[in-house]
Amino acid sequence: MSDRLRGISAFVEAVEAGSFALAAERMRLTRSAVGKSIAKLEQRLGVRLFHRTTRSQSLTEEGQAYYERCVRALAELEAGASALDSGKREPAGRLRLSVPVLFGRHCVAPVLLELGRRYPRLKIEMSFSDHVVDLVEEGYDLAVRIGTLPDSSTLVARRLGTQNMVICAAPSYLAEHGKPVETNELSAHVGIAYGRSGRIEPWLVNDGTGRIIKPQVDTRLVFDDLQAIADAAVAGMGLAWLPCWLMAKHARAGELEIVMGCDNVLAADIHAVWPQSHYLPGKTRAAIDALVAAVPGKIGQFERV
């Protein structure tokens, strides 16, 4: 029976992925294994499910009808598993997450600590890194990412909130160099930039006419750590493009001033991202729900100036 289910899963995955190769990647199998599994399924059913050429594949009429029935059957199995899972007392097992360093420390870790306190059978492993990991390849259940997400056929995302950004500087820097008012004045100033792997993250600013520009500031300092950028800005080394949740504490202390606020500086969306699957484990669902409920409040807490 298990072989039959494997063949059905491979067949549905191949249809939805559009190719045996991508289906194999999603299922963490070889292309040959997927092909053999579907071939055995066709042999058992006595029908051809796919029209195959060297360049493409498409469903036969019988394949289309069988696919529709398989999808309904798998949905019922998933619903049954979800019902059993939701009936358990608590999420359990190992949950591996990848989160950005500072945002993860301030806005994600407290949420997951509370989740761990609520569910003692849940083992949480959290990796703090600004490097974008391959969730499937590196075995992560969930990641939190900030900014525009690339198109992906292997990942699912859920929005957690918005990271508002500002351009700011120390009072000492502004006293010496003046405070830019218009976006075109930014190019006359020194900027402290965020960069990683040789790529500098551009500042995105509304020029007042609805047009988004990337001001070309003199980036003499480039760091891959937001706190280091904030510290350099506090030291009067130049303008900094920082998230409000990080900048606000320095503003409260009188160490930084807003040069351009949220009305002019583009915000970034925050998402929870996880590998696409027919079944979402209870531990992952619990973490996503907790983040959706708590992250906006965490951001707001730090943004109050």
C-alpha atoms as a PDB file:
ATOM      1  CA  MET A   1       0.000   0.000   0.000  1.00  0.00           C
ATOM      2  CA  SER A   2       2.868   2.375   0.816  1.00  0.00           C
ATOM      3  CA  ASP A   3       4.346   1.887  -2.681  1.00  0.00           C
ATOM      4  CA  ARG A   4       0.990   2.795  -4.196  1.00  0.00           C
ATOM      5  CA  LEU A   5       0.804   5.994  -2.164  1.00  0.00           C
ATOM      6  CA  ARG A   6       4.372   6.896  -3.118  1.00  0.00           C
ATOM      7  CA  GLY A   7       3.474   6.493  -6.775  1.00  0.00           C
ATOM      8  CA  ILE A   8       0.409   8.692  -6.388  1.00  0.00           C
ATOM      9  CA  SER A   9       2.375  11.376  -4.524  1.00  0.00           C
ATOM     10  CA  ALA A  10       5.091  11.362  -7.209  1.00  0.00           C
ATOM     11  CA  PHE A  11       2.454  11.599  -9.943  1.00  0.00           C
ATOM     12  CA  VAL A  12       0.667  14.575  -8.321  1.00  0.00           C
ATOM     13  CA  GLU A  13       3.966  16.312  -7.591  1.00  0.00           C
ATOM     14  CA  ALA A  14       5.112  15.831 -11.213  1.00  0.00           C
ATOM     15  CA  VAL A  15       1.870  17.342 -12.528  1.00  0.00           C
ATOM     16  CA  GLU A  16       2.029  20.357 -10.193  1.00  0.00           C
ATOM     17  CA  ALA A  17       5.757  20.909 -10.646  1.00  0.00           C
ATOM     18  CA  GLY A  18       5.549  20.659 -14.429  1.00  0.00           C
ATOM     19  CA  SER A  19       8.514  18.314 -14.712  1.00  0.00           C
ATOM     20  CA  PHE A  20       9.919  15.123 -13.218  1.00  0.00           C
ATOM     21  CA  ALA A  21      13.157  16.946 -12.337  1.00  0.00           C
ATOM     22  CA  LEU A  22      11.453  19.619 -10.242  1.00  0.00           C
ATOM     23  CA  ALA A  23       9.173  17.027  -8.655  1.00  0.00           C
ATOM     24  CA  ALA A  24      12.252  15.038  -7.671  1.00  0.00           C
ATOM     25  CA  GLU A  25      13.819  18.163  -6.133  1.00  0.00           C
ATOM     26  CA  ARG A  26      10.698  18.882  -4.081  1.00  0.00           C
ATOM     27  CA  MET A  27      10.447  15.273  -2.894  1.00  0.00           C
ATOM     28  CA  ARG A  28      14.199  15.030  -2.262  1.00  0.00           C
ATOM     29  CA  LEU A  29      14.468  12.064  -4.630  1.00  0.00           C
ATOM     30  CA  THR A  30      16.379  11.430  -7.839  1.00  0.00           C
ATOM     31  CA  ARG A  31      14.656  12.103 -11.162  1.00  0.00           C
ATOM     32  CA  SER A  32      15.085   8.418 -11.964  1.00  0.00           C
ATOM     33  CA  ALA A  33      13.257   7.390  -8.780  1.00  0.00           C
ATOM     34  CA  VAL A  34      10.306   9.652  -9.615  1.00  0.00           C
ATOM     35  CA  GLY A  35      10.191   8.366 -13.190  1.00  0.00           C
ATOM     36  CA  LYS A  36      10.247   4.714 -12.080  1.00  0.00           C
ATOM     37  CA  SER A  37       7.557   5.340  -9.474  1.00  0.00           C
ATOM     38  CA  ILE A  38       5.226   6.882 -12.069  1.00  0.00           C
ATOM     39  CA  ALA A  39       6.026   4.156 -14.595  1.00  0.00           C
ATOM     40  CA  LYS A  40       5.024   1.496 -12.035  1.00  0.00           C
ATOM     41  CA  LEU A  41       1.826   3.429 -11.359  1.00  0.00           C
ATOM     42  CA  GLU A  42       0.996   3.503 -15.091  1.00  0.00           C
ATOM     43  CA  GLN A  43       1.734  -0.224 -15.336  1.00  0.00           C
ATOM     44  CA  ARG A  44      -0.490  -0.984 -12.374  1.00  0.00           C
ATOM     45  CA  LEU A  45      -3.348   1.155 -13.762  1.00  0.00           C
ATOM     46  CA  GLY A  46      -2.885  -0.106 -17.303  1.00  0.00           C
ATOM     47  CA  VAL A  47      -3.009   3.421 -18.797  1.00  0.00           C
ATOM     48  CA  ARG A  48      -0.553   6.084 -19.889  1.00  0.00           C
ATOM     49  CA  LEU A  49      -0.807   9.153 -17.631  1.00  0.00           C
ATOM     50  CA  PHE A  50       1.617  11.451 -19.485  1.00  0.00           C
ATOM     51  CA  HIS A  51       2.417  12.329 -23.075  1.00  0.00           C
ATOM     52  CA  ARG A  52       6.218  12.493 -22.975  1.00  0.00           C
ATOM     53  CA  THR A  53       8.665  14.072 -25.418  1.00  0.00           C
ATOM     54  CA  THR A  54      12.317  14.964 -24.987  1.00  0.00           C
ATOM     55  CA  ARG A  55      11.322  18.571 -24.283  1.00  0.00           C
ATOM     56  CA  SER A  56       7.965  18.451 -22.493  1.00  0.00           C
ATOM     57  CA  GLN A  57       5.355  16.406 -20.735  1.00  0.00           C
ATOM     58  CA  SER A  58       1.573  16.775 -20.615  1.00  0.00           C
ATOM     59  CA  LEU A  59      -1.287  14.815 -19.135  1.00  0.00           C
ATOM     60  CA  THR A  60      -3.285  12.378 -21.209  1.00  0.00           C
ATOM     61  CA  GLU A  61      -7.066  12.522 -20.920  1.00  0.00           C
ATOM     62  CA  GLU A  62      -6.934   9.566 -18.510  1.00  0.00           C
ATOM     63  CA  GLY A  63      -4.089  11.243 -16.637  1.00  0.00           C
ATOM     64  CA  GLN A  64      -6.105  14.437 -16.151  1.00  0.00           C
ATOM     65  CA  ALA A  65      -9.087  12.515 -14.772  1.00  0.00           C
ATOM     66  CA  TYR A  66      -6.860  10.459 -12.471  1.00  0.00           C
ATOM     67  CA  TYR A  67      -5.004  13.578 -11.268  1.00  0.00           C
ATOM     68  CA  GLU A  68      -8.258  15.256 -10.204  1.00  0.00           C
ATOM     69  CA  ARG A  69      -9.271  12.201  -8.187  1.00  0.00           C
ATOM     70  CA  CYS A  70      -5.803  11.894  -6.617  1.00  0.00           C
ATOM     71  CA  VAL A  71      -5.832  15.535  -5.520  1.00  0.00           C
ATOM     72  CA  ARG A  72      -9.179  15.041  -3.781  1.00  0.00           C
ATOM     73  CA  ALA A  73      -7.965  11.844  -2.124  1.00  0.00           C
ATOM     74  CA  LEU A  74      -4.716  13.419  -0.891  1.00  0.00           C
ATOM     75  CA  ALA A  75      -6.647  16.425   0.412  1.00  0.00           C
ATOM     76  CA  GLU A  76      -8.806  14.057   2.455  1.00  0.00           C
ATOM     77  CA  LEU A  77      -5.725  12.308   3.829  1.00  0.00           C
ATOM     78  CA  GLU A  78      -4.158  15.655   4.703  1.00  0.00           C
ATOM     79  CA  ALA A  79      -7.350  16.831   6.390  1.00  0.00           C
ATOM     80  CA  GLY A  80      -7.420  13.635   8.417  1.00  0.00           C
ATOM     81  CA  ALA A  81      -3.785  14.048   9.481  1.00  0.00           C
ATOM     82  CA  SER A  82      -4.400  17.698  10.376  1.00  0.00           C
ATOM     83  CA  ALA A  83      -7.415  16.754  12.466  1.00  0.00           C
ATOM     84  CA  LEU A  84      -5.380  14.182  14.364  1.00  0.00           C
ATOM     85  CA  ASP A  85      -2.509  16.637  14.772  1.00  0.00           C
ATOM     86  CA  SER A  86      -4.775  19.413  16.054  1.00  0.00           C
ATOM     87  CA  GLY A  87      -6.225  16.942  18.518  1.00  0.00           C
ATOM     88  CA  LYS A  88      -2.852  16.462  20.185  1.00  0.00           C
ATOM     89  CA  ARG A  89      -2.256  18.324  23.408  1.00  0.00           C
ATOM     90  CA  GLU A  90       0.692  20.253  22.104  1.00  0.00           C
ATOM     91  CA  PRO A  91       3.139  20.651  19.195  1.00  0.00           C
ATOM     92  CA  ALA A  92       6.209  18.485  19.653  1.00  0.00           C
ATOM     93  CA  GLY A  93       9.508  17.603  18.005  1.00  0.00           C
ATOM     94  CA  ARG A  94      12.426  19.578  16.629  1.00  0.00           C
ATOM     95  CA  LEU A  95      11.674  22.920  14.975  1.00  0.00           C
ATOM     96  CA  ARG A  96      14.575  24.479  13.033  1.00  0.00           C
ATOM     97  CA  LEU A  97      14.380  28.183  12.156  1.00  0.00           C
ATOM     98  CA  SER A  98      16.617  30.646  10.316  1.00  0.00           C
ATOM     99  CA  VAL A  99      16.182  34.320  11.262  1.00  0.00           C
ATOM    100  CA  PRO A 100      18.002  37.619  10.554  1.00  0.00           C
ATOM    101  CA  VAL A 101      20.523  38.447  13.294  1.00  0.00           C
ATOM    102  CA  LEU A 102      19.190  41.610  14.947  1.00  0.00           C
ATOM    103  CA  PHE A 103      15.541  41.358  13.947  1.00  0.00           C
ATOM    104  CA  GLY A 104      15.585  37.742  15.049  1.00  0.00           C
ATOM    105  CA  ARG A 105      17.100  38.618  18.407  1.00  0.00           C
ATOM    106  CA  HIS A 106      14.711  41.486  19.171  1.00  0.00           C
ATOM    107  CA  CYS A 107      11.442  40.506  17.466  1.00  0.00           C
ATOM    108  CA  VAL A 108      11.464  36.752  16.796  1.00  0.00           C
ATOM    109  CA  ALA A 109      13.355  35.067  19.641  1.00  0.00           C
ATOM    110  CA  PRO A 110      11.003  36.398  22.380  1.00  0.00           C
ATOM    111  CA  VAL A 111       8.021  34.955  20.490  1.00  0.00           C
ATOM    112  CA  LEU A 112       9.663  31.548  20.102  1.00  0.00           C
ATOM    113  CA  LEU A 113      10.814  31.535  23.730  1.00  0.00           C
ATOM    114  CA  GLU A 114       7.211  32.001  24.796  1.00  0.00           C
ATOM    115  CA  LEU A 115       6.166  29.226  22.398  1.00  0.00           C
ATOM    116  CA  GLY A 116       8.781  26.931  23.928  1.00  0.00           C
ATOM    117  CA  ARG A 117       7.552  27.801  27.407  1.00  0.00           C
ATOM    118  CA  ARG A 118       3.984  26.976  26.378  1.00  0.00           C
ATOM    119  CA  TYR A 119       4.922  23.677  24.688  1.00  0.00           C
ATOM    120  CA  PRO A 120       7.690  21.861  26.638  1.00  0.00           C
ATOM    121  CA  ARG A 121       7.781  18.982  24.132  1.00  0.00           C
ATOM    122  CA  LEU A 122       8.842  21.381  21.378  1.00  0.00           C
ATOM    123  CA  LYS A 123      12.586  21.516  20.746  1.00  0.00           C
ATOM    124  CA  ILE A 124      13.527  24.815  19.111  1.00  0.00           C
ATOM    125  CA  GLU A 125      16.766  25.335  17.166  1.00  0.00           C
ATOM    126  CA  MET A 126      17.209  28.901  15.918  1.00  0.00           C
ATOM    127  CA  SER A 127      20.032  30.047  13.632  1.00  0.00           C
ATOM    128  CA  PHE A 128      20.769  33.798  13.599  1.00  0.00           C
ATOM    129  CA  SER A 129      22.221  34.834  10.241  1.00  0.00           C
ATOM    130  CA  ASP A 130      21.603  37.460   7.561  1.00  0.00           C
ATOM    131  CA  HIS A 131      22.604  34.855   4.979  1.00  0.00           C
ATOM    132  CA  VAL A 132      19.619  33.536   2.985  1.00  0.00           C
ATOM    133  CA  VAL A 133      19.661  29.798   3.576  1.00  0.00           C
ATOM    134  CA  ASP A 134      18.267  27.089   1.317  1.00  0.00           C
ATOM    135  CA  LEU A 135      15.511  25.758   3.558  1.00  0.00           C
ATOM    136  CA  VAL A 136      15.101  22.461   1.739  1.00  0.00           C
ATOM    137  CA  GLU A 137      18.791  21.768   1.211  1.00  0.00           C
ATOM    138  CA  GLU A 138      19.807  22.741   4.761  1.00  0.00           C
ATOM    139  CA  GLY A 139      16.849  21.149   6.507  1.00  0.00           C
ATOM    140  CA  TYR A 140      15.069  24.166   8.008  1.00  0.00           C
ATOM    141  CA  ASP A 141      11.378  24.085   8.865  1.00  0.00           C
ATOM    142  CA  LEU A 142      10.871  27.844   8.793  1.00  0.00           C
ATOM    143  CA  ALA A 143      12.649  31.131   8.080  1.00  0.00           C
ATOM    144  CA  VAL A 144      11.884  34.800   8.640  1.00  0.00           C
ATOM    145  CA  ARG A 145      12.909  37.066   5.760  1.00  0.00           C
ATOM    146  CA  ILE A 146      12.789  40.816   5.268  1.00  0.00           C
ATOM    147  CA  GLY A 147      12.368  42.457   1.859  1.00  0.00           C
ATOM    148  CA  THR A 148      11.080  41.383  -1.529  1.00  0.00           C
ATOM    149  CA  LEU A 149      10.812  37.621  -1.895  1.00  0.00           C
ATOM    150  CA  PRO A 150      11.977  36.033  -5.153  1.00  0.00           C
ATOM    151  CA  ASP A 151       9.501  33.871  -7.032  1.00  0.00           C
ATOM    152  CA  SER A 152       9.697  30.279  -5.835  1.00  0.00           C
ATOM    153  CA  SER A 153       7.829  27.114  -6.670  1.00  0.00           C
ATOM    154  CA  THR A 154       9.245  25.288  -3.652  1.00  0.00           C
ATOM    155  CA  LEU A 155       8.460  27.774  -0.844  1.00  0.00           C
ATOM    156  CA  VAL A 156       5.328  29.175   0.786  1.00  0.00           C
ATOM    157  CA  ALA A 157       5.216  32.570   2.519  1.00  0.00           C
ATOM    158  CA  ARG A 158       2.978  34.353   4.995  1.00  0.00           C
ATOM    159  CA  ARG A 159       3.294  38.066   5.720  1.00  0.00           C
ATOM    160  CA  LEU A 160       4.175  38.972   9.320  1.00  0.00           C
ATOM    161  CA  GLY A 161       4.252  42.749   9.097  1.00  0.00           C
ATOM    162  CA  THR A 162       6.171  45.761   7.813  1.00  0.00           C
ATOM    163  CA  GLN A 163       9.620  47.006   8.680  1.00  0.00           C
ATOM    164  CA  ASN A 164       9.485  50.809   8.455  1.00  0.00           C
ATOM    165  CA  MET A 165      12.746  52.508   7.505  1.00  0.00           C
ATOM    166  CA  VAL A 166      14.220  55.970   8.099  1.00  0.00           C
ATOM    167  CA  ILE A 167      17.340  57.870   7.117  1.00  0.00           C
ATOM    168  CA  CYS A 168      18.958  59.288  10.220  1.00  0.00           C
ATOM    169  CA  ALA A 169      22.166  60.813  11.558  1.00  0.00           C
ATOM    170  CA  ALA A 170      23.781  62.006  14.782  1.00  0.00           C
ATOM    171  CA  PRO A 171      23.152  65.632  15.832  1.00  0.00           C
ATOM    172  CA  SER A 172      26.932  66.189  15.653  1.00  0.00           C
ATOM    173  CA  TYR A 173      27.048  65.116  11.993  1.00  0.00           C
ATOM    174  CA  LEU A 174      24.071  67.302  11.057  1.00  0.00           C
ATOM    175  CA  ALA A 175      25.552  70.300  12.901  1.00  0.00           C
ATOM    176  CA  GLU A 176      28.746  70.001  10.845  1.00  0.00           C
ATOM    177  CA  HIS A 177      27.346  68.989   7.449  1.00  0.00           C
ATOM    178  CA  GLY A 178      23.789  70.326   7.469  1.00  0.00           C
ATOM    179  CA  LYS A 179      20.510  68.440   7.321  1.00  0.00           C
ATOM    180  CA  PRO A 180      19.354  67.383   3.834  1.00  0.00           C
ATOM    181  CA  VAL A 181      15.742  68.316   3.120  1.00  0.00           C
ATOM    182  CA  GLU A 182      15.233  67.177  -0.480  1.00  0.00           C
ATOM    183  CA  THR A 183      16.136  63.742  -1.771  1.00  0.00           C
ATOM    184  CA  ASN A 184      18.546  65.227  -4.317  1.00  0.00           C
ATOM    185  CA  GLU A 185      20.599  66.663  -1.430  1.00  0.00           C
ATOM    186  CA  LEU A 186      21.436  63.191  -0.103  1.00  0.00           C
ATOM    187  CA  SER A 187      24.171  62.670  -2.700  1.00  0.00           C
ATOM    188  CA  ALA A 188      26.243  65.416  -1.056  1.00  0.00           C
ATOM    189  CA  HIS A 189      26.471  63.411   2.163  1.00  0.00           C
ATOM    190  CA  VAL A 190      28.417  60.467   3.517  1.00  0.00           C
ATOM    191  CA  GLY A 191      26.385  57.279   3.930  1.00  0.00           C
ATOM    192  CA  ILE A 192      26.951  54.224   6.109  1.00  0.00           C
ATOM    193  CA  ALA A 193      25.692  51.309   4.022  1.00  0.00           C
ATOM    194  CA  TYR A 194      24.626  47.725   4.578  1.00  0.00           C
ATOM    195  CA  GLY A 195      26.479  45.280   2.346  1.00  0.00           C
ATOM    196  CA  ARG A 196      27.000  41.543   2.112  1.00  0.00           C
ATOM    197  CA  SER A 197      29.002  39.360  -0.266  1.00  0.00           C
ATOM    198  CA  GLY A 198      30.213  42.406  -2.185  1.00  0.00           C
ATOM    199  CA  ARG A 199      26.690  43.791  -2.783  1.00  0.00           C
ATOM    200  CA  ILE A 200      25.593  47.063  -1.197  1.00  0.00           C
ATOM    201  CA  GLU A 201      21.908  47.312  -0.311  1.00  0.00           C
ATOM    202  CA  PRO A 202      20.461  50.395  -2.058  1.00  0.00           C
ATOM    203  CA  TRP A 203      18.471  53.030  -0.177  1.00  0.00           C
ATOM    204  CA  LEU A 204      14.948  53.348  -1.580  1.00  0.00           C
ATOM    205  CA  VAL A 205      13.387  56.801  -1.289  1.00  0.00           C
ATOM    206  CA  ASN A 206      10.248  58.492  -2.640  1.00  0.00           C
ATOM    207  CA  ASP A 207      11.335  61.722  -4.336  1.00  0.00           C
ATOM    208  CA  GLY A 208       8.025  63.443  -3.523  1.00  0.00           C
ATOM    209  CA  THR A 209       6.466  62.897  -6.951  1.00  0.00           C
ATOM    210  CA  GLY A 210       5.760  59.201  -6.407  1.00  0.00           C
ATOM    211  CA  ARG A 211       8.963  58.156  -8.171  1.00  0.00           C
ATOM    212  CA  ILE A 212      11.242  55.729  -6.300  1.00  0.00           C
ATOM    213  CA  ILE A 213      14.921  56.613  -6.474  1.00  0.00           C
ATOM    214  CA  LYS A 214      18.160  55.158  -5.148  1.00  0.00           C
ATOM    215  CA  PRO A 215      20.202  58.135  -3.890  1.00  0.00           C
ATOM    216  CA  GLN A 216      23.916  57.829  -4.563  1.00  0.00           C
ATOM    217  CA  VAL A 217      25.525  58.744  -1.239  1.00  0.00           C
ATOM    218  CA  ASP A 218      29.250  58.547  -0.597  1.00  0.00           C
ATOM    219  CA  THR A 219      29.439  55.105   1.076  1.00  0.00           C
ATOM    220  CA  ARG A 220      32.796  55.195   2.826  1.00  0.00           C
ATOM    221  CA  LEU A 221      31.689  52.639   5.402  1.00  0.00           C
ATOM    222  CA  VAL A 222      29.981  49.357   4.516  1.00  0.00           C
ATOM    223  CA  PHE A 223      28.995  46.829   7.203  1.00  0.00           C
ATOM    224  CA  ASP A 224      26.992  43.601   7.156  1.00  0.00           C
ATOM    225  CA  ASP A 225      25.648  44.274  10.652  1.00  0.00           C
ATOM    226  CA  LEU A 226      22.833  46.752  11.360  1.00  0.00           C
ATOM    227  CA  GLN A 227      23.948  47.481  14.917  1.00  0.00           C
ATOM    228  CA  ALA A 228      27.426  48.373  13.645  1.00  0.00           C
ATOM    229  CA  ILE A 229      25.801  50.800  11.193  1.00  0.00           C
ATOM    230  CA  ALA A 230      23.745  52.350  14.001  1.00  0.00           C
ATOM    231  CA  ASP A 231      26.853  52.656  16.195  1.00  0.00           C
ATOM    232  CA  ALA A 232      28.773  54.360  13.383  1.00  0.00           C
ATOM    233  CA  ALA A 233      25.877  56.778  12.834  1.00  0.00           C
ATOM    234  CA  VAL A 234      25.785  57.595  16.556  1.00  0.00           C
ATOM    235  CA  ALA A 235      29.533  58.302  16.334  1.00  0.00           C
ATOM    236  CA  GLY A 236      28.791  60.980  13.706  1.00  0.00           C
ATOM    237  CA  MET A 237      30.262  59.097  10.735  1.00  0.00           C
ATOM    238  CA  GLY A 238      27.400  59.824   8.306  1.00  0.00           C
ATOM    239  CA  LEU A 239      23.795  59.180   7.349  1.00  0.00           C
ATOM    240  CA  ALA A 240      22.341  55.742   7.994  1.00  0.00           C
ATOM    241  CA  TRP A 241      19.356  53.884   6.508  1.00  0.00           C
ATOM    242  CA  LEU A 242      17.936  51.967   9.471  1.00  0.00           C
ATOM    243  CA  PRO A 243      14.762  50.161  10.518  1.00  0.00           C
ATOM    244  CA  CYS A 244      12.647  52.146  12.957  1.00  0.00           C
ATOM    245  CA  TRP A 245      12.668  49.357  15.535  1.00  0.00           C
ATOM    246  CA  LEU A 246      16.464  49.705  15.794  1.00  0.00           C
ATOM    247  CA  MET A 247      16.791  53.477  15.383  1.00  0.00           C
ATOM    248  CA  ALA A 248      14.067  54.428  17.907  1.00  0.00           C
ATOM    249  CA  LYS A 249      16.091  53.665  21.054  1.00  0.00           C
ATOM    250  CA  HIS A 250      18.894  55.924  19.804  1.00  0.00           C
ATOM    251  CA  ALA A 251      16.373  58.657  19.016  1.00  0.00           C
ATOM    252  CA  ARG A 252      14.952  58.413  22.546  1.00  0.00           C
ATOM    253  CA  ALA A 253      18.486  58.839  23.906  1.00  0.00           C
ATOM    254  CA  GLY A 254      19.094  61.883  21.691  1.00  0.00           C
ATOM    255  CA  GLU A 255      21.843  60.054  19.802  1.00  0.00           C
ATOM    256  CA  LEU A 256      20.173  60.067  16.360  1.00  0.00           C
ATOM    257  CA  GLU A 257      17.779  62.364  14.519  1.00  0.00           C
ATOM    258  CA  ILE A 258      15.440  61.480  11.673  1.00  0.00           C
ATOM    259  CA  VAL A 259      16.518  63.081   8.398  1.00  0.00           C
ATOM    260  CA  MET A 260      13.805  61.450   6.270  1.00  0.00           C
ATOM    261  CA  GLY A 261      10.968  59.474   7.822  1.00  0.00           C
ATOM    262  CA  CYS A 262       8.584  56.688   6.866  1.00  0.00           C
ATOM    263  CA  ASP A 263       6.640  58.933   4.475  1.00  0.00           C
ATOM    264  CA  ASN A 264       9.664  59.222   2.197  1.00  0.00           C
ATOM    265  CA  VAL A 265      11.652  56.050   2.866  1.00  0.00           C
ATOM    266  CA  LEU A 266      10.270  52.772   1.526  1.00  0.00           C
ATOM    267  CA  ALA A 267       9.324  50.075   4.012  1.00  0.00           C
ATOM    268  CA  ALA A 268      10.079  46.361   3.656  1.00  0.00           C
ATOM    269  CA  ASP A 269       7.679  43.464   4.132  1.00  0.00           C
ATOM    270  CA  ILE A 270       8.483  40.745   6.655  1.00  0.00           C
ATOM    271  CA  HIS A 271       7.512  37.157   5.860  1.00  0.00           C
ATOM    272  CA  ALA A 272       7.616  33.722   7.383  1.00  0.00           C
ATOM    273  CA  VAL A 273       8.766  31.262   4.705  1.00  0.00           C
ATOM    274  CA  TRP A 274       8.662  27.469   4.709  1.00  0.00           C
ATOM    275  CA  PRO A 275       9.063  24.573   2.238  1.00  0.00           C
ATOM    276  CA  GLN A 276       5.970  23.749   0.212  1.00  0.00           C
ATOM    277  CA  SER A 277       4.313  20.526   1.299  1.00  0.00           C
ATOM    278  CA  HIS A 278       0.942  18.807   1.117  1.00  0.00           C
ATOM    279  CA  TYR A 279       1.007  18.641   4.916  1.00  0.00           C
ATOM    280  CA  LEU A 280       2.147  21.360   7.339  1.00  0.00           C
ATOM    281  CA  PRO A 281       3.319  19.864  10.668  1.00  0.00           C
ATOM    282  CA  GLY A 282       1.663  21.135  13.831  1.00  0.00           C
ATOM    283  CA  LYS A 283       4.960  22.442  15.226  1.00  0.00           C
ATOM    284  CA  THR A 284       5.492  24.633  12.136  1.00  0.00           C
ATOM    285  CA  ARG A 285       1.891  25.823  12.094  1.00  0.00           C
ATOM    286  CA  ALA A 286       2.116  26.769  15.785  1.00  0.00           C
ATOM    287  CA  ALA A 287       5.270  28.829  15.172  1.00  0.00           C
ATOM    288  CA  ILE A 288       3.778  30.620  12.150  1.00  0.00           C
ATOM    289  CA  ASP A 289       0.577  31.462  14.036  1.00  0.00           C
ATOM    290  CA  ALA A 290       2.568  32.755  17.004  1.00  0.00           C
ATOM    291  CA  LEU A 291       4.721  34.978  14.767  1.00  0.00           C
ATOM    292  CA  VAL A 292       1.710  36.353  12.868  1.00  0.00           C
ATOM    293  CA  ALA A 293       0.042  37.258  16.167  1.00  0.00           C
ATOM    294  CA  ALA A 294       3.058  38.730  17.972  1.00  0.00           C
ATOM    295  CA  VAL A 295       5.581  40.221  15.511  1.00  0.00           C
ATOM    296  CA  PRO A 296       3.588  43.403  14.648  1.00  0.00           C
ATOM    297  CA  GLY A 297       3.354  44.213  18.364  1.00  0.00           C
ATOM    298  CA  LYS A 298       7.066  43.569  18.862  1.00  0.00           C
ATOM    299  CA  ILE A 299       7.918  45.945  16.018  1.00  0.00           C
ATOM    300  CA  GLY A 300       5.559  48.609  17.397  1.00  0.00           C
ATOM    301  CA  GLN A 301       7.060  48.258  20.851  1.00  0.00           C
ATOM    302  CA  PHE A 302      10.533  49.127  19.584  1.00  0.00           C
ATOM    303  CA  GLU A 303       9.345  51.822  17.148  1.00  0.00           C
ATOM    304  CA  ARG A 304       7.865  54.088  19.808  1.00  0.00           C
ATOM    305  CA  VAL A 305      10.134  57.129  19.977  1.00  0.00           C
END
